[in-house]
Amino acid sequence: MAAAPTRASERLPLGLCLGFGLGTNGSATLMGVTGIFLLFFMTTVLGISPAVAGTLIFVSKIYDLLTDPLMGHLSDRTATRIGRRRPYLVLGAALCGGSLYLLFSVPTLDNQSLLLAWYTVLLLLYATSYTVFTVPYLSMPAEMTADYHERTRLMSFRTLFGSTGLLIGTAVAPVLVAIGSAAGADAMVTAEVLRPVDATADCVMSSLASGQMVGTPEGFRFMGAVLGVVVFASMFFSFLGTRQARFTERSAQPQAFFKQVLSTLANRPFVLLVATKMLQLTGVTAFSASLAFFAQYVVQMTGAQLGMFFGLFSLGTILSLPAWLRYARAAGKKQAFITATLMFIVFDLGLLAATLGGLSLVLTLAFLIGLSAGGLIMLGVSMLPDTIEYDFHLTGQKREGIYAGVWSTIEKGSAAFATLLLGLLLSLSGFLETSAGQVACQPRSAVTTIQFGVALLPATMMALSLFFLTRYDLTRERLAAMAADTRGAPS
C-alpha cells in the first residue's frame, strides 16, 4: 500500500534527506570520472581517434533516448510493498559499480576493430546501468513531498552529495590513477614522442614528464576498481536510507508509453526547463570533457594539480548551497537560477586568461566556477518536481517516472552531442591520439580547440539557455492555486 501523501506543512526527516542524497554521491562519481576521463582515456591510452571515440560515446548515449523513458514507464508500472522505484536502486547499484570498473579495465587487444567492438559493448552496458538506477531515483522526490520549498531543501542534499561525488570522481580519481601508475614510472620516461605529420608545424608538449597526466592502463584499472566500490556502496546505502520514503501507487488508468512521452510536450514549464538544461548540459559536458586535455596541454598541470582544481571546484559548490537555498526562498528559484547561470559564464570565460595568470588564477577560477555550479545543479533539479506536480494538477495522473526518464534522456543526449562535437573538433584540428607508452606534441590548432571547448563553448551554451529560462513562469503561488482547485474538484 502506498504511504499517505505528504502534507505541505510537513518537514522531511533529516535521515531520509541524507539517505536520498547519498545516492547522488554514486551517480555523481560516475558522471565525474567518465566526464573528465572517458574521452581522454580512449584517445590517450587506448589509441582511439577523438572523432571515433566521440562517436562511440555519442551512440551509447543516444541509445538512452529509448531506454530512459522505457525505464521511467517501467518504474511507473511497478508495484511492490517497498514502492515503485526502490527495487531498481539495488539492481542499479551492482550494475553501475561493475560497469565503471570494466570501462577502465580493458584487455590488451591488438586488433583495432575488436577493441572498438569490445568498448562499444562496455559503453552500452554502462549506459544501461546508469539508467536502471538514475531514472527511478529521480522519480522519487515528486512522491516524497508536496511542499514547494521542501523540494528545494531535499534537492540541496542531493546537490551536497553530488558535490562530494564530483569531488571523488574528479579530484580523487587523478590521484588514484597516479598511485596505480607508479610502478610504470620508468616506462613513461622512455615513452615514444609523436609529432604532427607536418614537420614544420609548431606543437606543444608539457615541460613536465608528459606521462604524469596520461597515466598507465594499470593506473586507470586501479582507479576504476576503487571508485566502482564507492559507487556501489553509495547507491546501496541510499536504498537502505530511503526505506521510510513516501511513495504513491501506480496510476489506475495508464496511457500507452509513447502517448505518455509525447504528452510531456504539453507541459510548457517542463519544456522550457528541459530546453534550458539541454543547452546548459551541452556546455557543462564540453567543459568537463576538455579539462583533462586543458590540464595536460594548455596549463601543463600534473595529475595532483588537476585533482586540486576539482577539489576547489567541489568545495565552492558545497559551501555555496546554504546561500543558494536562502536566495531561492527570497527571490524565487527562477531568479536564483538566472544569477547562477550568469556567474558561470563570467568565471568560465576567465579560463581564457589561464596562460597569463598561471596556476593560481586557474585554481581561483575553479573555486568560483564551483560557487555558480552549486546553484545550477540544485535549482534545476528542484524545479523538475514542480513541473511534475503541474502535470498532475492538469491530468490527475502520477507520471513521475516518465518525466524523470525524459529528463535523464535529455541529460544524456546533451552530453552525447557535446562529446561528439568535441571529438570531431579535436580530430579536425589535428589532435594526435596516443596509446600506452606514447606521448604527443600537439599542434597549436589542437590546443586552441581545447581552449574553445573548456571556455567559449560552455559560456555560449549558458548564454543561449537564458532565452528559455527567462520565459519559465511556474511559481509557488501558481502551484498552490492549482492544488486548491484540485482539492476542490468533485471526485
Protein backbone atom coordinates (compact mmCIF):
# COMPACT_ATOMS: atom_id res chain seq x y z
CA MET A 1 0.00 0.00 0.00
CA ALA A 2 1.22 3.49 -0.77
CA ALA A 3 2.07 5.82 2.04
CA ALA A 4 -0.18 8.78 2.56
CA PRO A 5 0.65 11.92 0.60
CA THR A 6 2.88 14.37 2.40
CA ARG A 7 1.14 17.44 3.76
CA ALA A 8 2.56 20.72 2.57
CA SER A 9 3.47 21.69 6.13
CA GLU A 10 5.46 18.51 6.85
CA ARG A 11 9.24 18.62 7.02
CA LEU A 12 11.15 15.61 5.73
CA PRO A 13 13.29 13.88 8.40
CA LEU A 14 17.00 14.64 8.22
CA GLY A 15 17.87 10.94 7.98
CA LEU A 16 15.62 10.48 4.98
CA CYS A 17 17.13 13.52 3.23
CA LEU A 18 20.62 12.17 3.88
CA GLY A 19 19.67 8.69 2.69
CA PHE A 20 18.16 10.02 -0.51
CA GLY A 21 21.05 12.38 -1.19
CA LEU A 22 23.62 9.62 -0.75
CA GLY A 23 22.51 8.03 -4.00
CA THR A 24 23.76 11.07 -5.87
CA ASN A 25 27.22 10.50 -4.41
CA GLY A 26 27.34 7.36 -6.52
CA SER A 27 25.83 8.77 -9.70
CA ALA A 28 27.92 11.95 -9.47
CA THR A 29 31.09 9.90 -9.01
CA LEU A 30 30.19 8.06 -12.19
CA MET A 31 29.45 11.24 -14.10
CA GLY A 32 32.55 12.97 -12.76
CA VAL A 33 35.09 10.31 -13.63
CA THR A 34 33.60 9.49 -17.04
CA GLY A 35 33.07 13.16 -17.78
CA ILE A 36 36.73 14.10 -17.35
CA PHE A 37 38.47 10.85 -18.22
CA LEU A 38 36.42 8.77 -20.68
CA LEU A 39 37.27 10.64 -23.90
CA PHE A 40 40.78 11.30 -22.57
CA PHE A 41 41.32 7.60 -21.69
CA MET A 42 40.06 6.41 -25.07
CA THR A 43 42.30 8.81 -27.02
CA THR A 44 45.50 8.81 -24.94
CA VAL A 45 45.60 5.24 -23.56
CA LEU A 46 43.57 3.07 -25.96
CA GLY A 47 44.76 4.91 -29.09
CA ILE A 48 41.29 5.63 -30.49
CA SER A 49 40.98 8.78 -32.59
CA PRO A 50 38.96 11.61 -30.97
CA ALA A 51 36.34 11.53 -33.74
CA VAL A 52 35.77 7.77 -33.38
CA ALA A 53 35.83 7.93 -29.57
CA GLY A 54 33.33 10.79 -29.56
CA THR A 55 31.10 8.88 -31.96
CA LEU A 56 31.11 5.75 -29.79
CA ILE A 57 30.19 7.76 -26.70
CA PHE A 58 27.51 9.56 -28.74
CA VAL A 59 25.97 6.26 -29.89
CA SER A 60 25.91 4.85 -26.37
CA LYS A 61 24.12 7.91 -25.04
CA ILE A 62 21.65 8.19 -27.92
CA TYR A 63 20.75 4.59 -27.09
CA ASP A 64 19.33 6.11 -23.89
CA LEU A 65 16.81 8.10 -25.90
CA LEU A 66 14.72 4.94 -25.79
CA THR A 67 15.88 3.21 -22.62
CA ASP A 68 15.42 6.15 -20.24
CA PRO A 69 11.70 6.75 -20.97
CA LEU A 70 11.17 2.98 -21.02
CA MET A 71 12.77 2.71 -17.59
CA GLY A 72 10.55 5.52 -16.35
CA HIS A 73 7.49 3.80 -17.76
CA LEU A 74 8.54 0.50 -16.18
CA SER A 75 9.04 2.08 -12.76
CA ASP A 76 5.66 3.83 -13.06
CA ARG A 77 4.05 0.42 -13.69
CA THR A 78 5.94 -1.42 -10.92
CA ALA A 79 4.05 -2.31 -7.74
CA THR A 80 5.90 -3.67 -4.69
CA ARG A 81 5.48 -3.29 -0.96
CA ILE A 82 8.61 -1.10 -0.84
CA GLY A 83 7.45 1.26 -3.58
CA ARG A 84 7.64 1.59 -7.32
CA ARG A 85 11.21 2.87 -7.52
CA ARG A 86 13.39 1.42 -4.77
CA PRO A 87 13.83 -2.14 -6.12
CA TYR A 88 15.73 -0.70 -9.05
CA LEU A 89 18.15 1.12 -6.76
CA VAL A 90 19.64 -2.20 -5.66
CA LEU A 91 19.99 -3.59 -9.17
CA GLY A 92 21.38 -0.30 -10.46
CA ALA A 93 23.96 -0.17 -7.66
CA ALA A 94 25.50 -3.51 -8.67
CA LEU A 95 25.43 -2.74 -12.38
CA CYS A 96 26.90 0.75 -12.02
CA GLY A 97 29.79 -0.33 -9.80
CA GLY A 98 30.71 -3.19 -12.09
CA SER A 99 30.44 -1.25 -15.34
CA LEU A 100 32.67 1.57 -14.03
CA TYR A 101 35.43 -0.92 -13.31
CA LEU A 102 35.10 -2.52 -16.76
CA LEU A 103 35.24 0.84 -18.57
CA PHE A 104 38.76 1.45 -17.30
CA SER A 105 39.94 -2.17 -17.29
CA VAL A 106 40.27 -3.05 -20.97
CA PRO A 107 42.22 -6.15 -22.00
CA THR A 108 45.08 -5.77 -24.47
CA LEU A 109 43.58 -6.19 -27.94
CA ASP A 110 45.89 -5.88 -30.95
CA ASN A 111 43.01 -5.77 -33.41
CA GLN A 112 41.54 -2.22 -33.57
CA SER A 113 38.14 -3.42 -34.82
CA LEU A 114 37.88 -5.88 -31.95
CA LEU A 115 38.85 -3.13 -29.49
CA LEU A 116 36.15 -0.82 -30.85
CA ALA A 117 33.52 -3.57 -30.69
CA TRP A 118 34.53 -4.51 -27.14
CA TYR A 119 34.42 -0.93 -25.94
CA THR A 120 31.07 -0.27 -27.62
CA VAL A 121 29.56 -3.13 -25.60
CA LEU A 122 31.07 -1.68 -22.41
CA LEU A 123 29.64 1.77 -23.16
CA LEU A 124 26.16 0.30 -23.75
CA LEU A 125 26.41 -1.69 -20.51
CA TYR A 126 27.40 1.45 -18.63
CA ALA A 127 24.55 3.45 -20.17
CA THR A 128 22.01 0.77 -19.22
CA SER A 129 23.37 0.53 -15.68
CA TYR A 130 23.14 4.27 -15.13
CA THR A 131 19.57 4.31 -16.46
CA VAL A 132 18.41 1.49 -14.17
CA PHE A 133 19.45 3.46 -11.09
CA THR A 134 19.02 7.10 -12.06
CA VAL A 135 15.57 7.21 -13.65
CA PRO A 136 13.69 5.62 -10.71
CA TYR A 137 15.86 7.61 -8.29
CA LEU A 138 14.97 10.93 -9.94
CA SER A 139 11.29 9.97 -9.82
CA MET A 140 11.23 9.74 -6.02
CA PRO A 141 11.28 13.42 -4.89
CA ALA A 142 7.93 14.23 -6.51
CA GLU A 143 6.39 11.47 -4.39
CA MET A 144 8.28 12.19 -1.18
CA THR A 145 6.88 15.68 -0.55
CA ALA A 146 4.27 18.06 -1.97
CA ASP A 147 5.84 21.16 -0.44
CA TYR A 148 7.39 23.63 -2.90
CA HIS A 149 10.26 24.78 -0.68
CA GLU A 150 10.76 21.36 0.93
CA ARG A 151 11.64 20.05 -2.52
CA THR A 152 14.37 22.66 -2.74
CA ARG A 153 15.63 21.57 0.69
CA LEU A 154 15.58 17.91 -0.37
CA MET A 155 17.46 18.76 -3.55
CA SER A 156 20.05 20.68 -1.54
CA PHE A 157 21.02 17.32 -0.01
CA ARG A 158 21.19 15.83 -3.48
CA THR A 159 23.41 18.70 -4.58
CA LEU A 160 25.57 18.31 -1.46
CA PHE A 161 26.20 14.64 -2.17
CA GLY A 162 26.51 15.42 -5.85
CA SER A 163 29.37 17.71 -4.90
CA THR A 164 31.08 15.02 -2.82
CA GLY A 165 30.59 12.57 -5.67
CA LEU A 166 32.11 15.00 -8.13
CA LEU A 167 34.95 15.54 -5.67
CA ILE A 168 35.64 11.81 -5.66
CA GLY A 169 35.15 11.35 -9.40
CA THR A 170 37.23 14.33 -10.43
CA ALA A 171 39.65 15.28 -7.64
CA VAL A 172 40.37 11.84 -6.17
CA ALA A 173 40.35 9.98 -9.49
CA PRO A 174 43.55 11.58 -10.87
CA VAL A 175 45.34 10.79 -7.61
CA LEU A 176 44.21 7.16 -7.81
CA VAL A 177 45.45 6.95 -11.40
CA ALA A 178 48.81 8.33 -10.30
CA ILE A 179 49.04 5.81 -7.45
CA GLY A 180 48.14 2.91 -9.72
CA SER A 181 50.57 4.11 -12.37
CA ALA A 182 53.54 4.49 -10.02
CA ALA A 183 55.01 1.13 -10.97
CA GLY A 184 55.17 2.23 -14.60
CA ALA A 185 57.16 5.42 -13.98
CA ASP A 186 60.27 4.11 -15.76
CA ALA A 187 58.28 3.27 -18.85
CA MET A 188 56.90 6.80 -19.00
CA VAL A 189 60.38 8.34 -19.07
CA THR A 190 61.22 6.43 -22.28
CA ALA A 191 57.83 6.95 -23.93
CA GLU A 192 57.70 7.38 -27.70
CA VAL A 193 57.06 11.02 -28.65
CA LEU A 194 54.61 11.64 -31.51
CA ARG A 195 54.70 14.85 -33.53
CA PRO A 196 52.44 16.39 -36.21
CA VAL A 197 52.87 14.96 -39.72
CA ASP A 198 53.91 18.41 -40.94
CA ALA A 199 57.46 18.61 -39.65
CA THR A 200 57.36 22.40 -39.77
CA ALA A 201 54.19 22.68 -37.64
CA ASP A 202 54.51 24.32 -34.24
CA CYS A 203 53.49 21.92 -31.48
CA VAL A 204 53.05 21.95 -27.70
CA MET A 205 54.10 19.34 -25.16
CA SER A 206 54.19 19.64 -21.40
CA SER A 207 57.54 20.65 -19.96
CA LEU A 208 56.77 18.19 -17.17
CA ALA A 209 57.17 14.44 -17.54
CA SER A 210 54.36 14.00 -20.04
CA GLY A 211 53.25 10.68 -18.68
CA GLN A 212 52.14 12.20 -15.38
CA MET A 213 48.74 13.20 -16.71
CA VAL A 214 48.22 10.29 -19.06
CA GLY A 215 48.98 7.56 -16.56
CA THR A 216 49.09 3.87 -17.44
CA PRO A 217 46.46 1.20 -18.11
CA GLU A 218 47.25 -0.22 -14.67
CA GLY A 219 46.65 3.18 -13.08
CA PHE A 220 43.24 3.58 -14.70
CA ARG A 221 42.31 -0.01 -13.78
CA PHE A 222 43.16 0.66 -10.13
CA MET A 223 41.10 3.85 -10.18
CA GLY A 224 38.13 2.03 -11.73
CA ALA A 225 38.24 -0.69 -9.08
CA VAL A 226 38.33 1.71 -6.14
CA LEU A 227 35.63 4.03 -7.47
CA GLY A 228 33.48 1.09 -8.54
CA VAL A 229 33.25 0.08 -4.88
CA VAL A 230 32.44 3.68 -3.86
CA VAL A 231 29.63 3.87 -6.44
CA PHE A 232 28.08 0.57 -5.37
CA ALA A 233 28.23 1.43 -1.66
CA SER A 234 26.71 4.89 -2.15
CA MET A 235 23.79 3.61 -4.19
CA PHE A 236 23.13 0.59 -1.99
CA PHE A 237 23.09 2.63 1.22
CA SER A 238 20.75 5.10 -0.48
CA PHE A 239 18.36 2.19 -0.98
CA LEU A 240 18.58 1.41 2.73
CA GLY A 241 18.29 5.07 3.74
CA THR A 242 15.05 5.66 1.82
CA ARG A 243 13.08 2.80 3.32
CA GLN A 244 10.80 5.32 5.08
CA ALA A 245 10.27 7.42 1.94
CA ARG A 246 6.65 8.03 0.97
CA PHE A 247 5.52 6.74 -2.38
CA THR A 248 2.34 6.64 -4.44
CA GLU A 249 0.55 3.77 -6.14
CA ARG A 250 0.75 3.40 -9.89
CA SER A 251 -1.92 5.15 -11.95
CA ALA A 252 -5.16 3.22 -12.28
CA GLN A 253 -5.66 4.40 -15.88
CA PRO A 254 -2.28 4.35 -17.55
CA GLN A 255 -1.70 5.68 -21.05
CA ALA A 256 0.32 3.94 -23.74
CA PHE A 257 4.07 4.50 -23.42
CA PHE A 258 4.65 6.71 -26.46
CA LYS A 259 1.49 8.68 -25.79
CA GLN A 260 2.77 9.46 -22.31
CA VAL A 261 6.16 10.59 -23.65
CA LEU A 262 4.54 12.89 -26.21
CA SER A 263 2.13 14.27 -23.62
CA THR A 264 5.06 15.82 -21.72
CA LEU A 265 5.33 18.32 -24.59
CA ALA A 266 2.02 19.83 -23.46
CA ASN A 267 3.65 20.77 -20.14
CA ARG A 268 5.02 24.21 -21.02
CA PRO A 269 7.09 24.75 -17.83
CA PHE A 270 8.68 21.34 -18.30
CA VAL A 271 9.52 22.04 -21.95
CA LEU A 272 11.15 25.37 -21.06
CA LEU A 273 13.10 23.77 -18.21
CA VAL A 274 14.24 20.93 -20.47
CA ALA A 275 15.38 23.36 -23.17
CA THR A 276 17.34 25.31 -20.54
CA LYS A 277 19.05 22.22 -19.16
CA MET A 278 19.73 20.79 -22.63
CA LEU A 279 21.80 23.81 -23.58
CA GLN A 280 23.46 24.09 -20.18
CA LEU A 281 24.41 20.43 -20.02
CA THR A 282 25.87 20.60 -23.51
CA GLY A 283 28.13 23.37 -22.27
CA VAL A 284 28.98 21.71 -18.96
CA THR A 285 29.86 18.42 -20.69
CA ALA A 286 32.19 20.20 -23.10
CA PHE A 287 33.76 21.96 -20.11
CA SER A 288 34.29 18.71 -18.18
CA ALA A 289 35.49 16.64 -21.15
CA SER A 290 38.02 19.34 -22.12
CA LEU A 291 39.54 19.77 -18.67
CA ALA A 292 41.97 16.83 -18.70
CA PHE A 293 43.21 17.95 -22.12
CA PHE A 294 43.34 21.55 -20.84
CA ALA A 295 45.42 20.50 -17.85
CA GLN A 296 47.83 18.48 -19.98
CA TYR A 297 48.36 20.71 -22.97
CA VAL A 298 47.38 24.28 -22.00
CA VAL A 299 48.17 24.82 -18.32
CA GLN A 300 50.58 21.86 -18.08
CA MET A 301 49.30 20.63 -14.73
CA THR A 302 50.24 17.41 -13.00
CA GLY A 303 47.59 14.89 -12.03
CA ALA A 304 47.74 16.12 -8.43
CA GLN A 305 47.16 19.71 -9.56
CA LEU A 306 44.18 18.63 -11.67
CA GLY A 307 42.83 16.95 -8.56
CA MET A 308 43.33 20.21 -6.68
CA PHE A 309 41.35 22.05 -9.39
CA PHE A 310 38.38 19.76 -8.92
CA GLY A 311 38.77 19.79 -5.16
CA LEU A 312 38.39 23.57 -5.10
CA PHE A 313 35.51 23.33 -7.58
CA SER A 314 33.67 20.89 -5.30
CA LEU A 315 34.48 22.97 -2.21
CA GLY A 316 32.93 26.02 -3.86
CA THR A 317 29.83 24.02 -4.77
CA ILE A 318 29.36 22.65 -1.25
CA LEU A 319 29.93 25.97 0.51
CA SER A 320 27.50 27.77 -1.80
CA LEU A 321 24.49 25.55 -1.11
CA PRO A 322 23.12 27.31 2.01
CA ALA A 323 23.37 30.67 0.23
CA TRP A 324 21.62 29.40 -2.90
CA LEU A 325 18.88 27.85 -0.74
CA ARG A 326 18.26 31.14 1.07
CA TYR A 327 18.42 33.16 -2.13
CA ALA A 328 15.93 30.85 -3.88
CA ARG A 329 13.48 31.24 -0.99
CA ALA A 330 13.80 35.02 -1.03
CA ALA A 331 13.99 35.78 -4.75
CA GLY A 332 12.44 32.65 -6.27
CA LYS A 333 14.02 29.67 -7.98
CA LYS A 334 13.94 31.24 -11.42
CA GLN A 335 15.82 34.39 -10.43
CA ALA A 336 18.39 32.40 -8.48
CA PHE A 337 18.87 30.10 -11.48
CA ILE A 338 19.46 33.08 -13.78
CA THR A 339 22.04 34.51 -11.36
CA ALA A 340 23.92 31.20 -11.17
CA THR A 341 23.98 30.98 -14.97
CA LEU A 342 25.42 34.48 -15.37
CA MET A 343 28.10 33.76 -12.75
CA PHE A 344 29.17 30.59 -14.55
CA ILE A 345 29.52 32.47 -17.85
CA VAL A 346 31.78 35.15 -16.36
CA PHE A 347 34.04 32.81 -14.38
CA ASP A 348 34.34 30.19 -17.13
CA LEU A 349 35.45 32.79 -19.66
CA GLY A 350 38.21 33.67 -17.22
CA LEU A 351 39.94 30.39 -18.19
CA LEU A 352 40.89 32.04 -21.48
CA ALA A 353 43.47 34.00 -19.47
CA ALA A 354 44.87 30.85 -17.86
CA THR A 355 48.23 31.05 -19.58
CA LEU A 356 48.64 34.64 -18.37
CA GLY A 357 47.63 34.14 -14.75
CA GLY A 358 49.20 30.74 -14.26
CA LEU A 359 48.15 28.01 -11.87
CA SER A 360 46.99 30.38 -9.12
CA LEU A 361 44.43 32.01 -11.44
CA VAL A 362 43.19 28.65 -12.68
CA LEU A 363 42.68 27.34 -9.14
CA THR A 364 40.89 30.53 -8.08
CA LEU A 365 38.56 30.23 -11.06
CA ALA A 366 37.91 26.59 -10.15
CA PHE A 367 36.51 27.70 -6.78
CA LEU A 368 34.43 30.50 -8.34
CA ILE A 369 33.02 28.24 -11.04
CA GLY A 370 32.12 25.79 -8.28
CA LEU A 371 30.14 28.52 -6.48
CA SER A 372 27.99 29.05 -9.56
CA ALA A 373 27.70 25.31 -10.22
CA GLY A 374 26.06 24.81 -6.82
CA GLY A 375 23.16 26.98 -7.93
CA LEU A 376 22.94 25.44 -11.40
CA ILE A 377 22.76 21.89 -10.08
CA MET A 378 20.43 22.44 -7.12
CA LEU A 379 17.93 24.76 -8.78
CA GLY A 380 17.49 22.76 -11.97
CA VAL A 381 16.65 19.52 -10.17
CA SER A 382 14.45 21.28 -7.59
CA MET A 383 12.31 22.75 -10.39
CA LEU A 384 11.76 19.35 -12.05
CA PRO A 385 9.37 18.04 -9.33
CA ASP A 386 7.43 21.31 -9.62
CA THR A 387 6.77 20.64 -13.30
CA ILE A 388 5.71 17.08 -12.43
CA GLU A 389 3.22 18.42 -9.87
CA TYR A 390 1.95 20.83 -12.54
CA ASP A 391 1.29 17.82 -14.79
CA PHE A 392 -0.60 16.04 -12.00
CA HIS A 393 -2.91 19.01 -11.49
CA LEU A 394 -3.58 19.11 -15.23
CA THR A 395 -4.06 15.38 -15.87
CA GLY A 396 -4.71 13.74 -12.49
CA GLN A 397 -2.04 11.12 -13.28
CA LYS A 398 1.06 10.18 -11.29
CA ARG A 399 3.74 10.02 -14.00
CA GLU A 400 6.96 10.80 -12.17
CA GLY A 401 8.82 8.01 -13.96
CA ILE A 402 8.04 9.22 -17.46
CA TYR A 403 9.17 12.75 -16.60
CA ALA A 404 12.35 11.50 -14.94
CA GLY A 405 13.00 9.30 -17.97
CA VAL A 406 12.61 12.16 -20.41
CA TRP A 407 14.77 14.38 -18.18
CA SER A 408 17.50 11.75 -17.99
CA THR A 409 17.31 11.28 -21.76
CA ILE A 410 17.86 15.00 -22.29
CA GLU A 411 20.82 14.92 -19.91
CA LYS A 412 22.48 12.11 -21.79
CA GLY A 413 21.52 13.40 -25.23
CA SER A 414 23.12 16.74 -24.44
CA ALA A 415 26.24 15.04 -23.12
CA ALA A 416 26.33 12.83 -26.22
CA PHE A 417 26.18 15.78 -28.58
CA ALA A 418 28.83 17.73 -26.69
CA THR A 419 31.22 14.76 -26.59
CA LEU A 420 30.70 14.03 -30.28
CA LEU A 421 31.26 17.67 -31.19
CA LEU A 422 34.42 17.91 -29.09
CA GLY A 423 35.80 14.67 -30.54
CA LEU A 424 35.18 15.81 -34.11
CA LEU A 425 36.71 19.24 -33.48
CA LEU A 426 39.81 17.69 -31.91
CA SER A 427 40.29 15.37 -34.88
CA LEU A 428 39.77 18.20 -37.37
CA SER A 429 42.33 20.30 -35.50
CA GLY A 430 44.97 17.58 -35.87
CA PHE A 431 44.95 16.21 -32.31
CA LEU A 432 47.30 13.22 -32.02
CA GLU A 433 45.82 10.19 -30.27
CA THR A 434 48.27 8.01 -28.35
CA SER A 435 48.44 4.52 -26.89
CA ALA A 436 50.08 3.42 -23.65
CA GLY A 437 53.82 4.19 -23.85
CA GLN A 438 53.35 7.18 -26.15
CA VAL A 439 53.09 10.94 -25.61
CA ALA A 440 52.28 13.62 -28.15
CA CYS A 441 53.49 17.07 -29.07
CA GLN A 442 50.11 18.52 -30.05
CA PRO A 443 49.73 21.05 -32.89
CA ARG A 444 48.78 24.59 -31.88
CA SER A 445 45.43 24.17 -33.64
CA ALA A 446 44.53 21.32 -31.26
CA VAL A 447 45.49 23.41 -28.22
CA THR A 448 43.26 26.23 -29.48
CA THR A 449 40.38 23.78 -29.87
CA ILE A 450 40.86 22.61 -26.29
CA GLN A 451 40.61 26.20 -25.07
CA PHE A 452 37.43 26.63 -27.12
CA GLY A 453 35.94 23.51 -25.54
CA VAL A 454 36.73 24.48 -21.96
CA ALA A 455 35.64 28.15 -22.09
CA LEU A 456 33.98 29.62 -25.18
CA LEU A 457 31.61 26.75 -25.99
CA PRO A 458 30.28 26.34 -22.40
CA ALA A 459 29.78 30.08 -21.96
CA THR A 460 27.91 30.33 -25.27
CA MET A 461 25.57 27.46 -24.38
CA MET A 462 24.85 29.01 -20.98
CA ALA A 463 24.03 32.36 -22.59
CA LEU A 464 21.64 30.72 -25.07
CA SER A 465 19.88 28.88 -22.23
CA LEU A 466 18.75 32.19 -20.74
CA PHE A 467 16.34 32.63 -23.68
CA PHE A 468 14.25 29.73 -22.34
CA LEU A 469 14.91 30.20 -18.63
CA THR A 470 13.61 33.77 -18.62
CA ARG A 471 10.30 32.50 -20.07
CA TYR A 472 9.75 29.89 -17.34
CA ASP A 473 6.71 31.02 -15.30
CA LEU A 474 5.84 28.25 -12.83
CA THR A 475 5.81 29.74 -9.32
CA ARG A 476 4.93 28.57 -5.84
CA GLU A 477 1.76 30.66 -5.90
CA ARG A 478 0.62 29.20 -9.20
CA LEU A 479 1.11 25.63 -7.96
CA ALA A 480 -0.73 26.42 -4.72
CA ALA A 481 -3.70 27.76 -6.69
CA MET A 482 -3.76 24.65 -8.87
CA ALA A 483 -3.57 22.42 -5.79
CA ALA A 484 -6.53 24.24 -4.25
CA ASP A 485 -8.52 23.74 -7.46
CA THR A 486 -7.61 20.05 -7.47
CA ARG A 487 -8.72 19.54 -3.86
CA GLY A 488 -11.95 21.41 -4.55
CA ALA A 489 -12.80 19.42 -7.66
CA PRO A 490 -15.56 16.78 -7.28
CA SER A 491 -14.27 13.26 -7.03
